[in-house]
Amino acid sequence: ARQNTFALLMHLIKEKENAFVFARHEELIFTLVMVSKLQDSPSHAHAVVIMAHFTRHKENSKWIVMRLRNVVPALVTAAQSPNDGSRKFACYALQNLSQDKSCRQEVANTPELLVVVCERARKSTDHAEKLSAISILQNLTDDPGNLVPMTNTPQCFATLIRIAHGQDSDTTEEMRYLACDGLATLSHWFRKVATSAQSMEHVTDEEPKSPRSLFVPSLKVVTWNQWE
């Protein structure tokens, strides 16, 4: 009966309107969160996939992060699952939630989230999962409020630098670009902080131009299969 229920939900959740309505059914959300924690159960992966499909609807992001306080921690737990599919779809969900500017600080400050995402970015052998984890980090850099949690998590800079250098054989050019973009964005915010307090007498009419080779942050986010 449980498997049939999940099969029905999997079919219905792929419609945009259904994703919006189902995300606001508190009993359903509570059940999915609890089942997602049963990593020995075959239903565990289904619960994570369904929660990932909720995040495809952009109007669900704030609702999930700000109102449903149990979903993001459950996704962090699922990102550490022994099930390959669960880890991948947990990353997809976090990737979509991190694209919303109003949610980025809340997402970044979720306990263990940055540590877990960095681990998936470094250690995952699945291309899609690795790319999604790197995209999460890149999305989260696009908020100056995340400088503190990302600086306080040593793995963040170490992971982005390792990927940017392409030290692993499975690191693609797209992954390297995202890592460079994330580092450039963090550098951009650090520069903003460093120059915001300079006194007016030190400001010259002609500011030195940046070298052409300097990587300019795109300030763009990356999502997973979100509806427009």
C-alpha atoms as a PDB file:
ATOM      1  CA  ALA A   1       0.000   0.000   0.000  1.00  0.00           C
ATOM      2  CA  ARG A   2       2.843   2.395   0.869  1.00  0.00           C
ATOM      3  CA  GLN A   3       4.586   1.749  -2.446  1.00  0.00           C
ATOM      4  CA  ASN A   4       1.339   2.398  -4.350  1.00  0.00           C
ATOM      5  CA  THR A   5       0.837   5.649  -2.433  1.00  0.00           C
ATOM      6  CA  PHE A   6       4.318   6.836  -3.305  1.00  0.00           C
ATOM      7  CA  ALA A   7       3.814   5.833  -6.941  1.00  0.00           C
ATOM      8  CA  LEU A   8       0.662   7.971  -7.044  1.00  0.00           C
ATOM      9  CA  LEU A   9       2.400  10.930  -5.390  1.00  0.00           C
ATOM     10  CA  MET A  10       5.356  10.622  -7.767  1.00  0.00           C
ATOM     11  CA  HIS A  11       2.965  10.844 -10.688  1.00  0.00           C
ATOM     12  CA  LEU A  12       0.999  13.820  -9.330  1.00  0.00           C
ATOM     13  CA  ILE A  13       3.939  15.863  -8.024  1.00  0.00           C
ATOM     14  CA  LYS A  14       5.371  16.354 -11.515  1.00  0.00           C
ATOM     15  CA  GLU A  15       2.570  18.829 -12.294  1.00  0.00           C
ATOM     16  CA  LYS A  16       3.438  22.415 -11.355  1.00  0.00           C
ATOM     17  CA  GLU A  17       0.069  23.234  -9.770  1.00  0.00           C
ATOM     18  CA  ASN A  18       0.111  20.055  -7.691  1.00  0.00           C
ATOM     19  CA  ALA A  19       3.588  20.839  -6.354  1.00  0.00           C
ATOM     20  CA  PHE A  20       2.307  24.172  -5.056  1.00  0.00           C
ATOM     21  CA  VAL A  21      -0.744  22.649  -3.352  1.00  0.00           C
ATOM     22  CA  PHE A  22       0.981  19.577  -1.897  1.00  0.00           C
ATOM     23  CA  ALA A  23       3.789  21.653  -0.363  1.00  0.00           C
ATOM     24  CA  ARG A  24       1.164  23.336   1.808  1.00  0.00           C
ATOM     25  CA  HIS A  25      -0.278  20.097   3.153  1.00  0.00           C
ATOM     26  CA  GLU A  26       1.396  19.965   6.552  1.00  0.00           C
ATOM     27  CA  GLU A  27       0.551  16.333   7.335  1.00  0.00           C
ATOM     28  CA  LEU A  28       1.968  15.219   3.995  1.00  0.00           C
ATOM     29  CA  ILE A  29       5.163  17.205   4.586  1.00  0.00           C
ATOM     30  CA  PHE A  30       5.541  15.798   8.095  1.00  0.00           C
ATOM     31  CA  THR A  31       5.101  12.248   6.772  1.00  0.00           C
ATOM     32  CA  LEU A  32       7.620  12.751   3.958  1.00  0.00           C
ATOM     33  CA  VAL A  33      10.192  14.205   6.356  1.00  0.00           C
ATOM     34  CA  MET A  34       9.809  11.293   8.764  1.00  0.00           C
ATOM     35  CA  VAL A  35       9.990   8.669   5.981  1.00  0.00           C
ATOM     36  CA  SER A  36      13.046  10.395   4.481  1.00  0.00           C
ATOM     37  CA  LYS A  37      14.905   9.700   7.723  1.00  0.00           C
ATOM     38  CA  LEU A  38      14.270   5.928   7.452  1.00  0.00           C
ATOM     39  CA  GLN A  39      17.334   5.278   5.343  1.00  0.00           C
ATOM     40  CA  ASP A  40      16.943   1.509   5.528  1.00  0.00           C
ATOM     41  CA  SER A  41      13.455   1.707   4.027  1.00  0.00           C
ATOM     42  CA  PRO A  42      12.867   1.508   0.260  1.00  0.00           C
ATOM     43  CA  SER A  43      10.402   4.388   0.712  1.00  0.00           C
ATOM     44  CA  HIS A  44      13.212   6.665   1.900  1.00  0.00           C
ATOM     45  CA  ALA A  45      14.361   7.524  -1.631  1.00  0.00           C
ATOM     46  CA  HIS A  46      10.799   8.177  -2.812  1.00  0.00           C
ATOM     47  CA  ALA A  47      10.215  10.683  -0.016  1.00  0.00           C
ATOM     48  CA  VAL A  48      13.370  12.599  -0.911  1.00  0.00           C
ATOM     49  CA  VAL A  49      12.511  12.682  -4.618  1.00  0.00           C
ATOM     50  CA  ILE A  50       9.032  14.051  -3.874  1.00  0.00           C
ATOM     51  CA  MET A  51      10.471  16.801  -1.664  1.00  0.00           C
ATOM     52  CA  ALA A  52      12.898  17.678  -4.463  1.00  0.00           C
ATOM     53  CA  HIS A  53       9.992  18.105  -6.878  1.00  0.00           C
ATOM     54  CA  PHE A  54       8.373  20.557  -4.436  1.00  0.00           C
ATOM     55  CA  THR A  55      11.370  22.854  -4.933  1.00  0.00           C
ATOM     56  CA  ARG A  56      10.852  23.020  -8.691  1.00  0.00           C
ATOM     57  CA  HIS A  57       8.069  25.530  -8.017  1.00  0.00           C
ATOM     58  CA  LYS A  58       9.756  28.855  -7.262  1.00  0.00           C
ATOM     59  CA  GLU A  59       6.885  30.017  -5.044  1.00  0.00           C
ATOM     60  CA  ASN A  60       7.541  27.062  -2.740  1.00  0.00           C
ATOM     61  CA  SER A  61      11.060  28.173  -1.789  1.00  0.00           C
ATOM     62  CA  LYS A  62      10.163  30.702   0.908  1.00  0.00           C
ATOM     63  CA  TRP A  63       7.368  28.483   2.178  1.00  0.00           C
ATOM     64  CA  ILE A  64       9.674  25.497   2.568  1.00  0.00           C
ATOM     65  CA  VAL A  65      12.611  27.383   4.081  1.00  0.00           C
ATOM     66  CA  MET A  66      10.796  29.895   6.287  1.00  0.00           C
ATOM     67  CA  ARG A  67       7.618  28.053   7.276  1.00  0.00           C
ATOM     68  CA  LEU A  68       8.388  24.336   7.000  1.00  0.00           C
ATOM     69  CA  ARG A  69      11.397  24.375   9.289  1.00  0.00           C
ATOM     70  CA  ASN A  70      11.843  20.592   9.177  1.00  0.00           C
ATOM     71  CA  VAL A  71      12.405  20.142   5.436  1.00  0.00           C
ATOM     72  CA  VAL A  72      15.879  21.635   4.925  1.00  0.00           C
ATOM     73  CA  PRO A  73      17.423  19.721   7.880  1.00  0.00           C
ATOM     74  CA  ALA A  74      15.813  16.549   6.474  1.00  0.00           C
ATOM     75  CA  LEU A  75      17.423  17.248   3.093  1.00  0.00           C
ATOM     76  CA  VAL A  76      20.812  17.710   4.768  1.00  0.00           C
ATOM     77  CA  THR A  77      20.362  14.296   6.376  1.00  0.00           C
ATOM     78  CA  ALA A  78      19.286  12.788   3.053  1.00  0.00           C
ATOM     79  CA  ALA A  79      22.409  14.216   1.388  1.00  0.00           C
ATOM     80  CA  GLN A  80      24.387  11.836   3.614  1.00  0.00           C
ATOM     81  CA  SER A  81      22.267   8.806   2.752  1.00  0.00           C
ATOM     82  CA  PRO A  82      23.894   5.566   1.546  1.00  0.00           C
ATOM     83  CA  ASN A  83      21.346   5.642  -1.285  1.00  0.00           C
ATOM     84  CA  ASP A  84      22.819   7.279  -4.408  1.00  0.00           C
ATOM     85  CA  GLY A  85      19.502   8.593  -5.676  1.00  0.00           C
ATOM     86  CA  SER A  86      18.575  10.106  -2.316  1.00  0.00           C
ATOM     87  CA  ARG A  87      21.843  12.040  -2.108  1.00  0.00           C
ATOM     88  CA  LYS A  88      21.449  13.344  -5.640  1.00  0.00           C
ATOM     89  CA  PHE A  89      17.853  14.512  -5.243  1.00  0.00           C
ATOM     90  CA  ALA A  90      18.616  16.040  -1.840  1.00  0.00           C
ATOM     91  CA  CYS A  91      21.285  18.113  -3.593  1.00  0.00           C
ATOM     92  CA  TYR A  92      18.827  19.037  -6.352  1.00  0.00           C
ATOM     93  CA  ALA A  93      16.361  20.280  -3.741  1.00  0.00           C
ATOM     94  CA  LEU A  94      18.973  22.326  -1.870  1.00  0.00           C
ATOM     95  CA  GLN A  95      20.188  23.735  -5.191  1.00  0.00           C
ATOM     96  CA  ASN A  96      16.725  25.057  -6.011  1.00  0.00           C
ATOM     97  CA  LEU A  97      16.166  26.458  -2.515  1.00  0.00           C
ATOM     98  CA  SER A  98      19.507  28.265  -2.616  1.00  0.00           C
ATOM     99  CA  GLN A  99      18.557  30.117  -5.807  1.00  0.00           C
ATOM    100  CA  ASP A 100      16.038  32.252  -3.892  1.00  0.00           C
ATOM    101  CA  LYS A 101      17.831  35.351  -2.626  1.00  0.00           C
ATOM    102  CA  SER A 102      15.591  35.689   0.423  1.00  0.00           C
ATOM    103  CA  CYS A 103      16.352  32.095   1.472  1.00  0.00           C
ATOM    104  CA  ARG A 104      20.117  31.925   1.012  1.00  0.00           C
ATOM    105  CA  GLN A 105      21.165  33.026   4.482  1.00  0.00           C
ATOM    106  CA  GLU A 106      18.666  30.703   6.146  1.00  0.00           C
ATOM    107  CA  VAL A 107      19.834  27.791   3.997  1.00  0.00           C
ATOM    108  CA  ALA A 108      23.536  28.519   4.572  1.00  0.00           C
ATOM    109  CA  ASN A 109      23.042  28.672   8.339  1.00  0.00           C
ATOM    110  CA  THR A 110      21.303  25.305   8.544  1.00  0.00           C
ATOM    111  CA  PRO A 111      23.442  23.119  10.832  1.00  0.00           C
ATOM    112  CA  GLU A 112      25.916  20.905   8.934  1.00  0.00           C
ATOM    113  CA  LEU A 113      24.592  21.971   5.526  1.00  0.00           C
ATOM    114  CA  LEU A 114      27.791  23.608   4.269  1.00  0.00           C
ATOM    115  CA  VAL A 115      29.963  20.766   5.569  1.00  0.00           C
ATOM    116  CA  VAL A 116      27.768  18.129   3.908  1.00  0.00           C
ATOM    117  CA  VAL A 117      27.498  19.998   0.599  1.00  0.00           C
ATOM    118  CA  CYS A 118      31.277  20.470   0.471  1.00  0.00           C
ATOM    119  CA  GLU A 119      31.755  16.764   1.094  1.00  0.00           C
ATOM    120  CA  ARG A 120      29.422  15.881  -1.791  1.00  0.00           C
ATOM    121  CA  ALA A 121      31.210  18.384  -4.055  1.00  0.00           C
ATOM    122  CA  ARG A 122      34.574  16.789  -3.283  1.00  0.00           C
ATOM    123  CA  LYS A 123      33.782  13.109  -2.897  1.00  0.00           C
ATOM    124  CA  SER A 124      30.788  12.339  -5.094  1.00  0.00           C
ATOM    125  CA  THR A 125      31.503  10.037  -8.011  1.00  0.00           C
ATOM    126  CA  ASP A 126      28.165  10.836  -9.650  1.00  0.00           C
ATOM    127  CA  HIS A 127      28.534  13.686 -12.158  1.00  0.00           C
ATOM    128  CA  ALA A 128      25.040  15.135 -11.613  1.00  0.00           C
ATOM    129  CA  GLU A 129      25.309  15.010  -7.823  1.00  0.00           C
ATOM    130  CA  LYS A 130      28.760  16.609  -7.824  1.00  0.00           C
ATOM    131  CA  LEU A 131      27.651  19.367 -10.201  1.00  0.00           C
ATOM    132  CA  SER A 132      24.565  20.051  -8.095  1.00  0.00           C
ATOM    133  CA  ALA A 133      26.616  20.318  -4.882  1.00  0.00           C
ATOM    134  CA  ILE A 134      29.021  22.772  -6.536  1.00  0.00           C
ATOM    135  CA  SER A 135      26.037  24.765  -7.819  1.00  0.00           C
ATOM    136  CA  ILE A 136      24.680  25.020  -4.264  1.00  0.00           C
ATOM    137  CA  LEU A 137      27.946  26.539  -3.087  1.00  0.00           C
ATOM    138  CA  GLN A 138      27.991  28.917  -6.045  1.00  0.00           C
ATOM    139  CA  ASN A 139      24.396  30.008  -5.349  1.00  0.00           C
ATOM    140  CA  LEU A 140      25.100  30.606  -1.664  1.00  0.00           C
ATOM    141  CA  THR A 141      28.105  32.824  -2.410  1.00  0.00           C
ATOM    142  CA  ASP A 142      25.771  35.328  -4.057  1.00  0.00           C
ATOM    143  CA  ASP A 143      24.765  36.846  -0.714  1.00  0.00           C
ATOM    144  CA  PRO A 144      27.127  38.997   1.375  1.00  0.00           C
ATOM    145  CA  GLY A 145      25.397  37.725   4.503  1.00  0.00           C
ATOM    146  CA  ASN A 146      26.882  34.294   3.841  1.00  0.00           C
ATOM    147  CA  LEU A 147      30.474  35.495   4.124  1.00  0.00           C
ATOM    148  CA  VAL A 148      30.527  34.653   7.829  1.00  0.00           C
ATOM    149  CA  PRO A 149      29.143  31.079   7.722  1.00  0.00           C
ATOM    150  CA  MET A 150      31.188  30.230   4.625  1.00  0.00           C
ATOM    151  CA  THR A 151      34.357  31.710   6.103  1.00  0.00           C
ATOM    152  CA  ASN A 152      33.729  29.859   9.358  1.00  0.00           C
ATOM    153  CA  THR A 153      33.458  26.597   7.404  1.00  0.00           C
ATOM    154  CA  PRO A 154      37.038  25.837   6.275  1.00  0.00           C
ATOM    155  CA  GLN A 155      35.818  23.233   3.799  1.00  0.00           C
ATOM    156  CA  CYS A 156      34.072  25.909   1.684  1.00  0.00           C
ATOM    157  CA  PHE A 157      37.143  27.709   0.421  1.00  0.00           C
ATOM    158  CA  ALA A 158      39.220  24.534   0.279  1.00  0.00           C
ATOM    159  CA  THR A 159      36.541  22.800  -1.808  1.00  0.00           C
ATOM    160  CA  LEU A 160      36.037  25.699  -4.229  1.00  0.00           C
ATOM    161  CA  ILE A 161      39.803  26.136  -4.700  1.00  0.00           C
ATOM    162  CA  ARG A 162      40.339  22.405  -5.274  1.00  0.00           C
ATOM    163  CA  ILE A 163      37.578  22.278  -7.885  1.00  0.00           C
ATOM    164  CA  ALA A 164      38.699  25.524  -9.550  1.00  0.00           C
ATOM    165  CA  HIS A 165      42.177  24.020  -9.982  1.00  0.00           C
ATOM    166  CA  GLY A 166      40.674  20.855 -11.477  1.00  0.00           C
ATOM    167  CA  GLN A 167      42.722  18.615  -9.219  1.00  0.00           C
ATOM    168  CA  ASP A 168      40.367  15.657  -9.640  1.00  0.00           C
ATOM    169  CA  SER A 169      40.089  13.806 -12.938  1.00  0.00           C
ATOM    170  CA  ASP A 170      36.269  13.872 -12.864  1.00  0.00           C
ATOM    171  CA  THR A 171      36.123  17.677 -12.552  1.00  0.00           C
ATOM    172  CA  THR A 172      34.668  19.183 -15.731  1.00  0.00           C
ATOM    173  CA  GLU A 173      35.188  22.655 -17.172  1.00  0.00           C
ATOM    174  CA  GLU A 174      31.654  23.585 -16.111  1.00  0.00           C
ATOM    175  CA  MET A 175      32.450  22.612 -12.533  1.00  0.00           C
ATOM    176  CA  ARG A 176      35.671  24.610 -12.622  1.00  0.00           C
ATOM    177  CA  TYR A 177      33.798  27.622 -13.969  1.00  0.00           C
ATOM    178  CA  LEU A 178      31.189  27.462 -11.183  1.00  0.00           C
ATOM    179  CA  ALA A 179      33.921  27.181  -8.549  1.00  0.00           C
ATOM    180  CA  CYS A 180      35.808  30.149 -10.036  1.00  0.00           C
ATOM    181  CA  ASP A 181      32.553  32.098 -10.166  1.00  0.00           C
ATOM    182  CA  GLY A 182      31.891  31.339  -6.509  1.00  0.00           C
ATOM    183  CA  LEU A 183      35.390  32.386  -5.470  1.00  0.00           C
ATOM    184  CA  ALA A 184      35.136  35.574  -7.535  1.00  0.00           C
ATOM    185  CA  THR A 185      31.783  36.393  -5.935  1.00  0.00           C
ATOM    186  CA  LEU A 186      33.183  35.897  -2.432  1.00  0.00           C
ATOM    187  CA  SER A 187      36.141  38.077  -3.386  1.00  0.00           C
ATOM    188  CA  HIS A 188      33.682  40.697  -4.646  1.00  0.00           C
ATOM    189  CA  TRP A 189      31.897  40.788  -1.274  1.00  0.00           C
ATOM    190  CA  PHE A 190      35.197  40.883   0.637  1.00  0.00           C
ATOM    191  CA  ARG A 191      36.270  43.837  -1.482  1.00  0.00           C
ATOM    192  CA  LYS A 192      32.955  45.572  -0.801  1.00  0.00           C
ATOM    193  CA  VAL A 193      33.463  45.114   2.929  1.00  0.00           C
ATOM    194  CA  ALA A 194      37.105  46.216   2.775  1.00  0.00           C
ATOM    195  CA  THR A 195      36.390  49.415   0.829  1.00  0.00           C
ATOM    196  CA  SER A 196      33.113  50.412   2.476  1.00  0.00           C
ATOM    197  CA  ALA A 197      34.885  52.058   5.417  1.00  0.00           C
ATOM    198  CA  GLN A 198      37.635  53.959   3.568  1.00  0.00           C
ATOM    199  CA  SER A 199      37.713  57.671   4.350  1.00  0.00           C
ATOM    200  CA  MET A 200      36.893  60.245   1.680  1.00  0.00           C
ATOM    201  CA  GLU A 201      40.388  61.779   1.630  1.00  0.00           C
ATOM    202  CA  HIS A 202      41.726  58.494   0.307  1.00  0.00           C
ATOM    203  CA  VAL A 203      39.268  58.377  -2.572  1.00  0.00           C
ATOM    204  CA  THR A 204      40.838  59.519  -5.862  1.00  0.00           C
ATOM    205  CA  ASP A 205      39.041  60.729  -8.962  1.00  0.00           C
ATOM    206  CA  GLU A 206      40.628  58.013 -11.029  1.00  0.00           C
ATOM    207  CA  GLU A 207      40.316  54.521  -9.664  1.00  0.00           C
ATOM    208  CA  PRO A 208      42.798  51.933 -10.963  1.00  0.00           C
ATOM    209  CA  LYS A 209      41.301  49.680 -13.572  1.00  0.00           C
ATOM    210  CA  SER A 210      41.100  45.987 -12.906  1.00  0.00           C
ATOM    211  CA  PRO A 211      43.282  43.811 -15.113  1.00  0.00           C
ATOM    212  CA  ARG A 212      41.390  42.321 -18.033  1.00  0.00           C
ATOM    213  CA  SER A 213      42.247  38.808 -16.907  1.00  0.00           C
ATOM    214  CA  LEU A 214      40.459  39.273 -13.575  1.00  0.00           C
ATOM    215  CA  PHE A 215      37.570  36.822 -13.251  1.00  0.00           C
ATOM    216  CA  VAL A 216      34.379  38.872 -12.930  1.00  0.00           C
ATOM    217  CA  PRO A 217      31.631  37.202 -10.881  1.00  0.00           C
ATOM    218  CA  SER A 218      28.484  36.484 -12.874  1.00  0.00           C
ATOM    219  CA  LEU A 219      26.151  36.900  -9.855  1.00  0.00           C
ATOM    220  CA  LYS A 220      23.900  34.279 -11.418  1.00  0.00           C
ATOM    221  CA  VAL A 221      22.311  31.269  -9.738  1.00  0.00           C
ATOM    222  CA  VAL A 222      21.956  27.720 -11.025  1.00  0.00           C
ATOM    223  CA  THR A 223      18.751  25.698 -10.554  1.00  0.00           C
ATOM    224  CA  TRP A 224      17.611  22.139 -11.171  1.00  0.00           C
ATOM    225  CA  ASN A 225      14.710  21.798 -13.596  1.00  0.00           C
ATOM    226  CA  GLN A 226      12.616  24.593 -12.036  1.00  0.00           C
ATOM    227  CA  TRP A 227       9.383  25.726 -13.669  1.00  0.00           C
ATOM    228  CA  GLU A 228       9.181  29.281 -14.968  1.00  0.00           C
END
